[in-house]
Protein backbone atom coordinates (compact mmCIF):
# COMPACT_ATOMS: atom_id res chain seq x y z
CA UNK A 1 0.00 0.00 0.00
CA UNK A 2 2.90 2.33 0.78
CA UNK A 3 4.43 1.76 -2.67
CA UNK A 4 1.10 2.43 -4.39
CA UNK A 5 0.73 5.71 -2.49
CA UNK A 6 4.29 6.68 -3.42
CA UNK A 7 3.66 5.94 -7.11
CA UNK A 8 0.41 7.92 -7.06
CA UNK A 9 2.11 10.84 -5.31
CA UNK A 10 4.96 10.67 -7.83
CA UNK A 11 2.54 10.74 -10.76
CA UNK A 12 0.61 13.73 -9.46
CA UNK A 13 3.67 15.65 -8.29
CA UNK A 14 5.63 14.91 -11.45
CA UNK A 15 2.77 16.06 -13.63
CA UNK A 16 2.51 19.33 -11.68
CA UNK A 17 6.28 19.86 -11.89
CA UNK A 18 6.15 19.17 -15.64
CA UNK A 19 3.44 21.76 -16.17
CA UNK A 20 5.38 24.34 -14.16
CA UNK A 21 8.63 23.56 -15.97
CA UNK A 22 6.90 23.75 -19.35
CA UNK A 23 5.48 27.16 -18.44
CA UNK A 24 8.89 28.45 -17.34
CA UNK A 25 10.47 27.21 -20.57
CA UNK A 26 7.74 28.94 -22.57
CA UNK A 27 8.14 32.22 -20.68
CA UNK A 28 11.93 32.26 -20.98
CA UNK A 29 11.85 31.36 -24.67
CA UNK A 30 9.27 34.09 -25.29
CA UNK A 31 11.66 36.63 -23.81
CA UNK A 32 14.72 35.31 -25.64
CA UNK A 33 13.38 34.21 -29.03
CA UNK A 34 10.07 36.14 -29.22
CA UNK A 35 8.17 32.89 -29.73
CA UNK A 36 7.08 30.26 -27.25
CA UNK A 37 9.07 27.03 -27.34
CA UNK A 38 8.59 23.92 -25.31
CA UNK A 39 9.00 20.19 -25.00
CA UNK A 40 5.97 18.25 -26.18
CA UNK A 41 4.52 15.92 -23.52
CA UNK A 42 6.93 17.19 -20.83
CA UNK A 43 4.37 16.81 -17.99
CA UNK A 44 3.83 13.16 -18.93
CA UNK A 45 7.55 12.42 -19.04
CA UNK A 46 8.17 14.03 -15.67
CA UNK A 47 5.17 12.18 -14.19
CA UNK A 48 6.58 8.82 -15.29
CA UNK A 49 10.09 9.67 -14.05
CA UNK A 50 8.77 10.81 -10.67
CA UNK A 51 6.49 7.77 -10.39
CA UNK A 52 9.64 5.64 -10.53
CA UNK A 53 11.92 7.85 -8.42
CA UNK A 54 9.60 8.56 -5.48
CA UNK A 55 9.11 4.91 -4.43
CA UNK A 56 12.85 4.21 -4.86
CA UNK A 57 13.77 7.18 -2.69
CA UNK A 58 11.11 6.18 -0.15
CA UNK A 59 12.48 2.63 0.10
CA UNK A 60 16.01 3.97 0.63
CA UNK A 61 14.84 6.26 3.42
CA UNK A 62 12.93 3.40 5.12
CA UNK A 63 16.03 1.15 4.98
CA UNK A 64 18.22 3.97 6.31
CA UNK A 65 15.90 4.54 9.29
CA UNK A 66 15.94 0.82 10.07
CA UNK A 67 19.72 0.61 10.31
C-alpha atoms as a PDB file:
ATOM      1  CA  UNK A   1       0.000   0.000   0.000  1.00  0.00           C
ATOM      2  CA  UNK A   2       2.897   2.326   0.781  1.00  0.00           C
ATOM      3  CA  UNK A   3       4.429   1.764  -2.665  1.00  0.00           C
ATOM      4  CA  UNK A   4       1.100   2.434  -4.387  1.00  0.00           C
ATOM      5  CA  UNK A   5       0.733   5.709  -2.489  1.00  0.00           C
ATOM      6  CA  UNK A   6       4.291   6.685  -3.421  1.00  0.00           C
ATOM      7  CA  UNK A   7       3.658   5.941  -7.113  1.00  0.00           C
ATOM      8  CA  UNK A   8       0.412   7.918  -7.062  1.00  0.00           C
ATOM      9  CA  UNK A   9       2.107  10.838  -5.313  1.00  0.00           C
ATOM     10  CA  UNK A  10       4.959  10.667  -7.828  1.00  0.00           C
ATOM     11  CA  UNK A  11       2.544  10.744 -10.762  1.00  0.00           C
ATOM     12  CA  UNK A  12       0.609  13.726  -9.464  1.00  0.00           C
ATOM     13  CA  UNK A  13       3.665  15.646  -8.295  1.00  0.00           C
ATOM     14  CA  UNK A  14       5.634  14.907 -11.450  1.00  0.00           C
ATOM     15  CA  UNK A  15       2.765  16.064 -13.630  1.00  0.00           C
ATOM     16  CA  UNK A  16       2.514  19.332 -11.681  1.00  0.00           C
ATOM     17  CA  UNK A  17       6.278  19.857 -11.892  1.00  0.00           C
ATOM     18  CA  UNK A  18       6.152  19.170 -15.640  1.00  0.00           C
ATOM     19  CA  UNK A  19       3.440  21.765 -16.175  1.00  0.00           C
ATOM     20  CA  UNK A  20       5.379  24.339 -14.157  1.00  0.00           C
ATOM     21  CA  UNK A  21       8.631  23.562 -15.966  1.00  0.00           C
ATOM     22  CA  UNK A  22       6.902  23.753 -19.346  1.00  0.00           C
ATOM     23  CA  UNK A  23       5.480  27.161 -18.444  1.00  0.00           C
ATOM     24  CA  UNK A  24       8.885  28.448 -17.337  1.00  0.00           C
ATOM     25  CA  UNK A  25      10.474  27.212 -20.567  1.00  0.00           C
ATOM     26  CA  UNK A  26       7.742  28.944 -22.570  1.00  0.00           C
ATOM     27  CA  UNK A  27       8.137  32.224 -20.684  1.00  0.00           C
ATOM     28  CA  UNK A  28      11.927  32.258 -20.981  1.00  0.00           C
ATOM     29  CA  UNK A  29      11.847  31.357 -24.668  1.00  0.00           C
ATOM     30  CA  UNK A  30       9.275  34.085 -25.285  1.00  0.00           C
ATOM     31  CA  UNK A  31      11.657  36.626 -23.808  1.00  0.00           C
ATOM     32  CA  UNK A  32      14.716  35.310 -25.641  1.00  0.00           C
ATOM     33  CA  UNK A  33      13.379  34.211 -29.033  1.00  0.00           C
ATOM     34  CA  UNK A  34      10.065  36.139 -29.218  1.00  0.00           C
ATOM     35  CA  UNK A  35       8.167  32.888 -29.734  1.00  0.00           C
ATOM     36  CA  UNK A  36       7.080  30.256 -27.252  1.00  0.00           C
ATOM     37  CA  UNK A  37       9.074  27.033 -27.338  1.00  0.00           C
ATOM     38  CA  UNK A  38       8.586  23.915 -25.307  1.00  0.00           C
ATOM     39  CA  UNK A  39       8.995  20.187 -25.004  1.00  0.00           C
ATOM     40  CA  UNK A  40       5.975  18.252 -26.185  1.00  0.00           C
ATOM     41  CA  UNK A  41       4.517  15.919 -23.520  1.00  0.00           C
ATOM     42  CA  UNK A  42       6.930  17.190 -20.828  1.00  0.00           C
ATOM     43  CA  UNK A  43       4.371  16.809 -17.994  1.00  0.00           C
ATOM     44  CA  UNK A  44       3.827  13.160 -18.929  1.00  0.00           C
ATOM     45  CA  UNK A  45       7.551  12.420 -19.044  1.00  0.00           C
ATOM     46  CA  UNK A  46       8.168  14.033 -15.665  1.00  0.00           C
ATOM     47  CA  UNK A  47       5.174  12.185 -14.191  1.00  0.00           C
ATOM     48  CA  UNK A  48       6.584   8.818 -15.286  1.00  0.00           C
ATOM     49  CA  UNK A  49      10.087   9.666 -14.046  1.00  0.00           C
ATOM     50  CA  UNK A  50       8.774  10.810 -10.672  1.00  0.00           C
ATOM     51  CA  UNK A  51       6.486   7.767 -10.391  1.00  0.00           C
ATOM     52  CA  UNK A  52       9.638   5.639 -10.528  1.00  0.00           C
ATOM     53  CA  UNK A  53      11.923   7.846  -8.421  1.00  0.00           C
ATOM     54  CA  UNK A  54       9.602   8.559  -5.484  1.00  0.00           C
ATOM     55  CA  UNK A  55       9.113   4.907  -4.429  1.00  0.00           C
ATOM     56  CA  UNK A  56      12.847   4.211  -4.864  1.00  0.00           C
ATOM     57  CA  UNK A  57      13.768   7.182  -2.688  1.00  0.00           C
ATOM     58  CA  UNK A  58      11.113   6.180  -0.145  1.00  0.00           C
ATOM     59  CA  UNK A  59      12.482   2.632   0.105  1.00  0.00           C
ATOM     60  CA  UNK A  60      16.012   3.971   0.634  1.00  0.00           C
ATOM     61  CA  UNK A  61      14.844   6.255   3.420  1.00  0.00           C
ATOM     62  CA  UNK A  62      12.933   3.398   5.119  1.00  0.00           C
ATOM     63  CA  UNK A  63      16.027   1.154   4.981  1.00  0.00           C
ATOM     64  CA  UNK A  64      18.222   3.967   6.307  1.00  0.00           C
ATOM     65  CA  UNK A  65      15.899   4.545   9.294  1.00  0.00           C
ATOM     66  CA  UNK A  66      15.936   0.817  10.068  1.00  0.00           C
ATOM     67  CA  UNK A  67      19.724   0.606  10.313  1.00  0.00           C
END
